[in-house]
Amino acid sequence: MRTPSSPGPGAAFSAPAHHAAALAAQQYGFVTRDQALACGADDGIVRRLLRGRHWARVYPRVYAVRGLCEPADEDQRLHQRVMAAQLALGRAAFAGGDTAARLWGMQGLPPWNGRDVHMVIPALGAQRHVRGIHLHTWDTADDEITATETGIRLSTPGRTLRDTLLHVDRETGVCLIDSALNHGLVHPADIPTLDAANRRRRGSRRVRGWWPLSDGRAQSPLETRIRLVCVDGGLPPSDLQRVFTDARGRIIAVADLWWEDLRVIGECDGLAPHGQPKTLAHDRQRQNALQTYYPDSRIVRFTWEDIYRPAYVLATVAGTYRPKRR
């Protein structure tokens, strides 16, 4: 958290304004009108701070303090937007749905637009439209809400999955479950309970078959999506994160996907880190070692472009793909 600068002369740097800025420094750079008044400011001081561009209005009665709100990265910006929305909506509000999923670090969602957040408010609370905030009134138990050390309120990982899956496609949904499992946010034993808890909600029938497709061994959304293509095509991998060793038992590779009957090793290459020179050299050494110790196996590699070519993926795994002659 940044610390506010020392107050200078003039109304814009009065003691109340400095106290309000000190509070904002604990809230990702934001302060509400009520908080500013509690710090000794009045509406005149607030107006002067706004006119002088020391503060900026982000939501009704919520202000950003200049110098305290410059985000270092997208993750920081997300936390800032959620805190501002939380302050605008009141103490009972919390982040939910895909916003909570992003806060938990679950992978698989489309890129965030840098503005909109999903917030949950009590079902009986007053609903008002606030630009950039998508409001939900999901009936959420107290033990399904938690908070970060910095005061951001959000739904628990399990509840986050339950809510988010109802509003995404199957591939995204399974990616989110896989990611939550892989990061230890939920346990495999939790999956049936989460599924059952959603049974009477609108859209739950559509997602019921997604939970059993999850596998926490998947280490990236690309791995999950390639696996789903193969499952749909009748060629499910027999193992994930398959360990391969040399003659001395030393690990030479861990394959993303493995088909035992076909003796096929599947590798999923995302944009990073496989494009880095050092990583490319390591990948070549590993592939050479696999070909040396497992000469009866084939290595196939997939990228994000391939999820839009399911027939190609299946033919490549099966060994029947033949490139067209030009």
Protein backbone atom coordinates (compact mmCIF):
# COMPACT_ATOMS: atom_id res chain seq x y z
CA MET A 1 0.00 0.00 0.00
CA ARG A 2 1.22 3.51 -0.80
CA THR A 3 1.37 6.11 1.93
CA PRO A 4 -0.06 9.60 1.44
CA SER A 5 2.25 12.57 1.17
CA SER A 6 2.50 15.01 4.04
CA PRO A 7 -0.18 17.73 4.04
CA GLY A 8 0.82 21.11 2.72
CA PRO A 9 -0.81 24.52 2.99
CA GLY A 10 -4.31 25.23 1.66
CA ALA A 11 -7.67 23.50 1.85
CA ALA A 12 -6.68 20.77 -0.59
CA PHE A 13 -4.03 19.60 1.86
CA SER A 14 -5.90 20.24 5.12
CA ALA A 15 -5.57 17.89 8.05
CA PRO A 16 -8.97 16.26 7.31
CA ALA A 17 -7.89 15.64 3.72
CA HIS A 18 -4.66 14.09 4.93
CA HIS A 19 -6.51 11.85 7.38
CA ALA A 20 -8.85 10.76 4.59
CA ALA A 21 -5.86 10.02 2.34
CA ALA A 22 -4.29 7.93 5.11
CA LEU A 23 -7.48 5.87 5.25
CA ALA A 24 -7.56 5.58 1.46
CA ALA A 25 -4.02 4.20 1.53
CA GLN A 26 -5.44 1.19 3.40
CA GLN A 27 -8.21 0.75 0.81
CA TYR A 28 -6.26 0.58 -2.46
CA GLY A 29 -6.40 4.37 -2.76
CA PHE A 30 -10.15 4.92 -2.34
CA VAL A 31 -12.25 6.72 0.23
CA THR A 32 -16.00 7.28 0.51
CA ARG A 33 -17.75 10.57 1.18
CA ASP A 34 -18.95 9.31 4.57
CA GLN A 35 -15.41 8.27 5.49
CA ALA A 36 -14.07 11.67 4.43
CA LEU A 37 -16.67 13.42 6.58
CA ALA A 38 -15.77 11.16 9.51
CA CYS A 39 -12.16 12.31 9.05
CA GLY A 40 -13.24 15.91 9.57
CA ALA A 41 -13.70 16.99 5.96
CA ASP A 42 -16.87 18.67 4.76
CA ASP A 43 -18.54 18.82 1.35
CA GLY A 44 -16.68 22.03 0.57
CA ILE A 45 -13.30 20.37 1.11
CA VAL A 46 -14.40 17.37 -0.97
CA ARG A 47 -15.46 19.67 -3.82
CA ARG A 48 -12.15 21.53 -3.73
CA LEU A 49 -10.22 18.25 -3.77
CA LEU A 50 -12.21 17.16 -6.81
CA ARG A 51 -11.81 20.49 -8.62
CA GLY A 52 -8.09 20.46 -7.93
CA ARG A 53 -7.90 16.89 -9.25
CA HIS A 54 -6.40 15.68 -6.00
CA TRP A 55 -9.35 13.30 -5.89
CA ALA A 56 -11.41 11.76 -8.70
CA ARG A 57 -14.94 10.37 -8.52
CA VAL A 58 -14.98 6.68 -9.55
CA TYR A 59 -18.43 5.71 -8.29
CA PRO A 60 -21.15 7.77 -6.58
CA ARG A 61 -19.71 8.94 -3.22
CA VAL A 62 -16.46 7.01 -3.81
CA TYR A 63 -13.25 8.87 -4.65
CA ALA A 64 -9.78 7.89 -5.79
CA VAL A 65 -6.91 9.75 -4.15
CA ARG A 66 -4.30 10.85 -6.68
CA GLY A 67 -0.99 9.10 -6.20
CA LEU A 68 -2.51 6.11 -4.43
CA CYS A 69 -4.35 4.41 -7.31
CA GLU A 70 -1.78 3.84 -10.02
CA PRO A 71 -1.91 0.05 -10.56
CA ALA A 72 1.31 -1.84 -11.11
CA ASP A 73 -0.35 -4.65 -13.07
CA GLU A 74 -3.72 -6.15 -14.01
CA ASP A 75 -4.03 -8.06 -10.74
CA GLN A 76 -3.54 -4.86 -8.75
CA ARG A 77 -6.05 -3.05 -10.96
CA LEU A 78 -8.62 -5.78 -10.36
CA HIS A 79 -8.19 -5.49 -6.60
CA GLN A 80 -8.62 -1.74 -6.88
CA ARG A 81 -11.83 -1.99 -8.89
CA VAL A 82 -13.29 -4.51 -6.47
CA MET A 83 -12.45 -2.39 -3.44
CA ALA A 84 -14.00 0.69 -5.06
CA ALA A 85 -17.15 -1.28 -5.90
CA GLN A 86 -17.28 -2.70 -2.39
CA LEU A 87 -17.09 0.79 -0.91
CA ALA A 88 -19.82 2.01 -3.28
CA LEU A 89 -22.22 -0.81 -2.43
CA GLY A 90 -21.74 -1.04 1.32
CA ARG A 91 -20.33 -3.44 3.87
CA ALA A 92 -22.56 -6.36 2.90
CA ALA A 93 -21.32 -6.42 -0.70
CA PHE A 94 -18.67 -8.86 -1.88
CA ALA A 95 -17.05 -10.00 -5.12
CA GLY A 96 -18.57 -13.06 -6.73
CA GLY A 97 -18.74 -15.00 -9.97
CA ASP A 98 -15.90 -14.58 -12.43
CA THR A 99 -14.51 -11.59 -10.50
CA ALA A 100 -14.01 -13.78 -7.43
CA ALA A 101 -12.55 -16.48 -9.68
CA ARG A 102 -9.96 -14.01 -10.95
CA LEU A 103 -9.18 -12.87 -7.40
CA TRP A 104 -8.57 -16.50 -6.41
CA GLY A 105 -6.27 -16.96 -9.41
CA MET A 106 -8.45 -19.53 -11.16
CA GLN A 107 -7.40 -19.86 -14.79
CA GLY A 108 -9.53 -20.34 -17.87
CA LEU A 109 -11.65 -17.20 -18.16
CA PRO A 110 -11.45 -14.82 -21.13
CA PRO A 111 -9.21 -11.78 -20.59
CA TRP A 112 -10.64 -9.18 -18.20
CA ASN A 113 -11.68 -5.89 -19.83
CA GLY A 114 -10.01 -3.90 -17.05
CA ARG A 115 -13.24 -2.26 -15.89
CA ASP A 116 -16.23 -4.43 -15.05
CA VAL A 117 -16.59 -6.39 -11.83
CA HIS A 118 -19.26 -8.75 -10.52
CA MET A 119 -20.51 -8.01 -7.03
CA VAL A 120 -23.07 -9.73 -4.82
CA ILE A 121 -25.43 -7.84 -2.54
CA PRO A 122 -28.09 -9.14 -0.11
CA ALA A 123 -31.26 -10.31 -1.84
CA LEU A 124 -33.30 -7.81 0.15
CA GLY A 125 -30.87 -4.95 -0.42
CA ALA A 126 -31.66 -2.00 -2.64
CA GLN A 127 -30.53 -2.73 -6.18
CA ARG A 128 -29.18 0.25 -8.10
CA HIS A 129 -27.41 0.41 -11.41
CA VAL A 130 -23.78 1.46 -11.15
CA ARG A 131 -21.80 1.60 -14.37
CA GLY A 132 -19.09 -1.05 -14.46
CA ILE A 133 -20.60 -3.10 -11.63
CA HIS A 134 -22.69 -6.19 -12.42
CA LEU A 135 -24.95 -6.81 -9.44
CA HIS A 136 -26.15 -10.22 -8.32
CA THR A 137 -28.43 -11.17 -5.45
CA TRP A 138 -27.45 -14.79 -5.02
CA ASP A 139 -28.55 -16.28 -1.70
CA THR A 140 -25.15 -16.84 -0.09
CA ALA A 141 -24.51 -18.29 3.36
CA ASP A 142 -22.19 -16.48 5.75
CA ASP A 143 -19.66 -19.32 5.64
CA GLU A 144 -19.47 -18.94 1.85
CA ILE A 145 -18.04 -15.43 2.18
CA THR A 146 -14.49 -14.63 3.21
CA ALA A 147 -12.09 -11.69 3.09
CA THR A 148 -8.49 -11.03 2.14
CA GLU A 149 -5.95 -9.52 4.49
CA THR A 150 -6.45 -6.20 2.71
CA GLY A 151 -10.19 -6.15 3.35
CA ILE A 152 -11.60 -7.34 0.04
CA ARG A 153 -14.68 -9.48 0.57
CA LEU A 154 -15.31 -12.34 -1.85
CA SER A 155 -17.04 -15.68 -2.12
CA THR A 156 -15.15 -18.80 -1.08
CA PRO A 157 -13.54 -20.89 -3.85
CA GLY A 158 -16.26 -23.53 -3.82
CA ARG A 159 -19.06 -21.00 -3.89
CA THR A 160 -17.20 -19.08 -6.59
CA LEU A 161 -17.16 -22.16 -8.80
CA ARG A 162 -20.85 -22.83 -8.17
CA ASP A 163 -21.81 -19.32 -9.26
CA THR A 164 -19.41 -18.92 -12.16
CA LEU A 165 -20.15 -22.22 -13.86
CA LEU A 166 -23.76 -21.21 -14.37
CA HIS A 167 -22.66 -18.35 -16.63
CA VAL A 168 -19.87 -19.82 -18.78
CA ASP A 169 -19.49 -22.50 -21.45
CA ARG A 170 -18.43 -26.05 -20.70
CA GLU A 171 -14.79 -25.67 -21.70
CA THR A 172 -14.33 -22.57 -19.53
CA GLY A 173 -16.17 -24.22 -16.66
CA VAL A 174 -14.02 -27.35 -16.64
CA CYS A 175 -10.88 -25.19 -16.93
CA LEU A 176 -11.95 -23.31 -13.80
CA ILE A 177 -12.62 -26.49 -11.83
CA ASP A 178 -9.30 -27.99 -12.94
CA SER A 179 -7.47 -24.82 -11.95
CA ALA A 180 -9.16 -24.64 -8.54
CA LEU A 181 -8.25 -28.28 -7.90
CA ASN A 182 -4.69 -27.84 -9.14
CA HIS A 183 -4.13 -24.83 -6.87
CA GLY A 184 -5.63 -26.58 -3.86
CA LEU A 185 -8.53 -24.12 -3.61
CA VAL A 186 -10.99 -27.01 -3.52
CA HIS A 187 -10.49 -30.73 -2.90
CA PRO A 188 -11.63 -33.54 -5.20
CA ALA A 189 -13.88 -34.76 -2.40
CA ASP A 190 -15.69 -31.39 -2.53
CA ILE A 191 -16.84 -31.81 -6.12
CA PRO A 192 -19.97 -33.97 -5.49
CA THR A 193 -21.05 -31.61 -2.71
CA LEU A 194 -20.64 -28.53 -4.90
CA ASP A 195 -22.59 -30.21 -7.68
CA ALA A 196 -25.39 -31.19 -5.32
CA ALA A 197 -25.57 -27.69 -3.81
CA ASN A 198 -26.32 -26.24 -7.25
CA ARG A 199 -29.02 -28.75 -8.19
CA ARG A 200 -32.05 -26.45 -7.87
CA ARG A 201 -30.47 -23.36 -9.38
CA ARG A 202 -31.32 -22.10 -12.83
CA GLY A 203 -28.85 -23.53 -15.33
CA SER A 204 -27.60 -26.28 -13.03
CA ARG A 205 -28.85 -29.07 -15.28
CA ARG A 206 -26.69 -27.73 -18.11
CA VAL A 207 -23.50 -27.91 -16.01
CA ARG A 208 -24.19 -31.12 -14.11
CA GLY A 209 -22.02 -33.22 -16.38
CA TRP A 210 -19.06 -30.83 -16.19
CA TRP A 211 -17.98 -31.63 -12.64
CA PRO A 212 -17.02 -35.27 -13.37
CA LEU A 213 -14.86 -34.10 -16.28
CA SER A 214 -12.53 -32.20 -13.97
CA ASP A 215 -8.98 -33.31 -13.21
CA GLY A 216 -6.75 -31.32 -10.91
CA ARG A 217 -3.60 -32.68 -12.54
CA ALA A 218 -4.14 -30.36 -15.50
CA GLN A 219 -1.68 -27.50 -15.16
CA SER A 220 -3.10 -25.09 -17.72
CA PRO A 221 -6.38 -24.28 -19.49
CA LEU A 222 -4.84 -25.47 -22.77
CA GLU A 223 -4.21 -28.92 -21.29
CA THR A 224 -7.82 -29.05 -20.12
CA ARG A 225 -9.21 -28.00 -23.47
CA ILE A 226 -7.11 -30.46 -25.47
CA ARG A 227 -8.15 -33.20 -23.05
CA LEU A 228 -11.83 -32.33 -23.57
CA VAL A 229 -11.41 -32.46 -27.34
CA CYS A 230 -9.97 -35.95 -26.99
CA VAL A 231 -12.64 -37.09 -24.52
CA ASP A 232 -15.38 -35.85 -26.85
CA GLY A 233 -13.72 -37.63 -29.76
CA GLY A 234 -13.45 -40.97 -27.99
CA LEU A 235 -9.70 -40.78 -27.36
CA PRO A 236 -9.39 -39.83 -23.68
CA PRO A 237 -5.81 -39.81 -22.39
CA SER A 238 -5.00 -42.64 -20.02
CA ASP A 239 -2.87 -40.42 -17.78
CA LEU A 240 -1.96 -36.82 -17.05
CA GLN A 241 1.44 -35.55 -15.90
CA ARG A 242 2.94 -38.94 -16.77
CA VAL A 243 6.48 -39.30 -15.39
CA PHE A 244 9.17 -40.73 -17.68
CA THR A 245 12.54 -41.87 -16.35
CA ASP A 246 15.86 -42.96 -17.82
CA ALA A 247 17.67 -46.26 -17.24
CA ARG A 248 18.83 -45.07 -13.80
CA GLY A 249 15.37 -44.03 -12.70
CA ARG A 250 16.05 -40.32 -13.08
CA ILE A 251 13.13 -38.23 -14.28
CA ILE A 252 13.70 -37.00 -17.81
CA ALA A 253 10.23 -35.66 -18.55
CA VAL A 254 6.72 -35.20 -17.24
CA ALA A 255 4.24 -35.36 -20.11
CA ASP A 256 1.06 -33.31 -20.04
CA LEU A 257 -0.96 -36.14 -21.60
CA TRP A 258 -0.29 -39.82 -22.19
CA TRP A 259 -2.11 -42.46 -24.22
CA GLU A 260 -0.89 -45.87 -23.08
CA ASP A 261 -2.39 -47.99 -25.86
CA LEU A 262 -1.21 -45.63 -28.58
CA ARG A 263 2.14 -44.93 -26.91
CA VAL A 264 1.56 -41.22 -27.51
CA ILE A 265 3.00 -38.38 -25.44
CA GLY A 266 0.97 -35.17 -25.67
CA GLU A 267 2.53 -31.78 -24.96
CA CYS A 268 0.54 -28.55 -24.74
CA ASP A 269 2.56 -25.47 -25.64
CA GLY A 270 1.03 -22.18 -24.52
CA LEU A 271 2.38 -18.74 -25.39
CA ALA A 272 4.72 -18.92 -22.39
CA PRO A 273 7.13 -20.14 -21.28
CA HIS A 274 7.77 -22.42 -24.27
CA GLY A 275 8.68 -19.52 -26.56
CA GLN A 276 11.72 -18.53 -24.50
CA PRO A 277 15.15 -19.56 -25.89
CA LYS A 278 16.27 -21.36 -22.72
CA THR A 279 12.98 -23.21 -22.53
CA LEU A 280 13.17 -24.19 -26.19
CA ALA A 281 16.63 -25.66 -25.61
CA HIS A 282 15.38 -27.58 -22.58
CA ASP A 283 12.39 -28.87 -24.56
CA ARG A 284 14.68 -30.15 -27.31
CA GLN A 285 16.92 -31.94 -24.81
CA ARG A 286 13.91 -33.49 -23.13
CA GLN A 287 12.42 -34.60 -26.44
CA ASN A 288 15.72 -36.16 -27.48
CA ALA A 289 15.90 -38.04 -24.17
CA LEU A 290 12.35 -39.34 -24.63
CA GLN A 291 13.14 -40.56 -28.12
CA THR A 292 16.27 -42.27 -26.81
CA TYR A 293 14.68 -44.11 -23.89
CA TYR A 294 11.17 -44.53 -25.33
CA PRO A 295 11.73 -45.05 -29.06
CA ASP A 296 8.37 -46.79 -29.43
CA SER A 297 6.50 -43.63 -28.40
CA ARG A 298 5.34 -40.69 -30.47
CA ILE A 299 5.42 -37.10 -29.27
CA VAL A 300 2.66 -34.78 -30.43
CA ARG A 301 2.47 -31.09 -29.59
CA PHE A 302 -0.56 -28.82 -29.46
CA THR A 303 -1.04 -25.06 -29.26
CA TRP A 304 -4.03 -22.81 -28.63
CA GLU A 305 -4.84 -22.75 -32.36
CA ASP A 306 -5.50 -26.48 -32.25
CA ILE A 307 -8.51 -26.27 -29.93
CA TYR A 308 -10.41 -24.90 -32.94
CA ARG A 309 -9.37 -27.93 -35.02
CA PRO A 310 -10.69 -30.93 -33.08
CA ALA A 311 -10.48 -33.25 -36.09
CA TYR A 312 -6.80 -32.40 -36.44
CA VAL A 313 -6.14 -33.05 -32.74
CA LEU A 314 -7.85 -36.44 -32.85
CA ALA A 315 -6.14 -37.48 -36.08
CA THR A 316 -2.77 -36.42 -34.71
CA VAL A 317 -3.23 -38.46 -31.54
CA ALA A 318 -4.49 -41.45 -33.48
CA GLY A 319 -1.60 -41.17 -35.93
CA THR A 320 -3.87 -40.84 -38.95
CA TYR A 321 -3.32 -37.18 -39.75
CA ARG A 322 -1.90 -36.51 -43.19
CA PRO A 323 -1.17 -32.90 -44.23
CA LYS A 324 -2.76 -31.83 -47.49
CA ARG A 325 -0.48 -31.69 -50.49
CA ARG A 326 -0.08 -28.30 -52.09
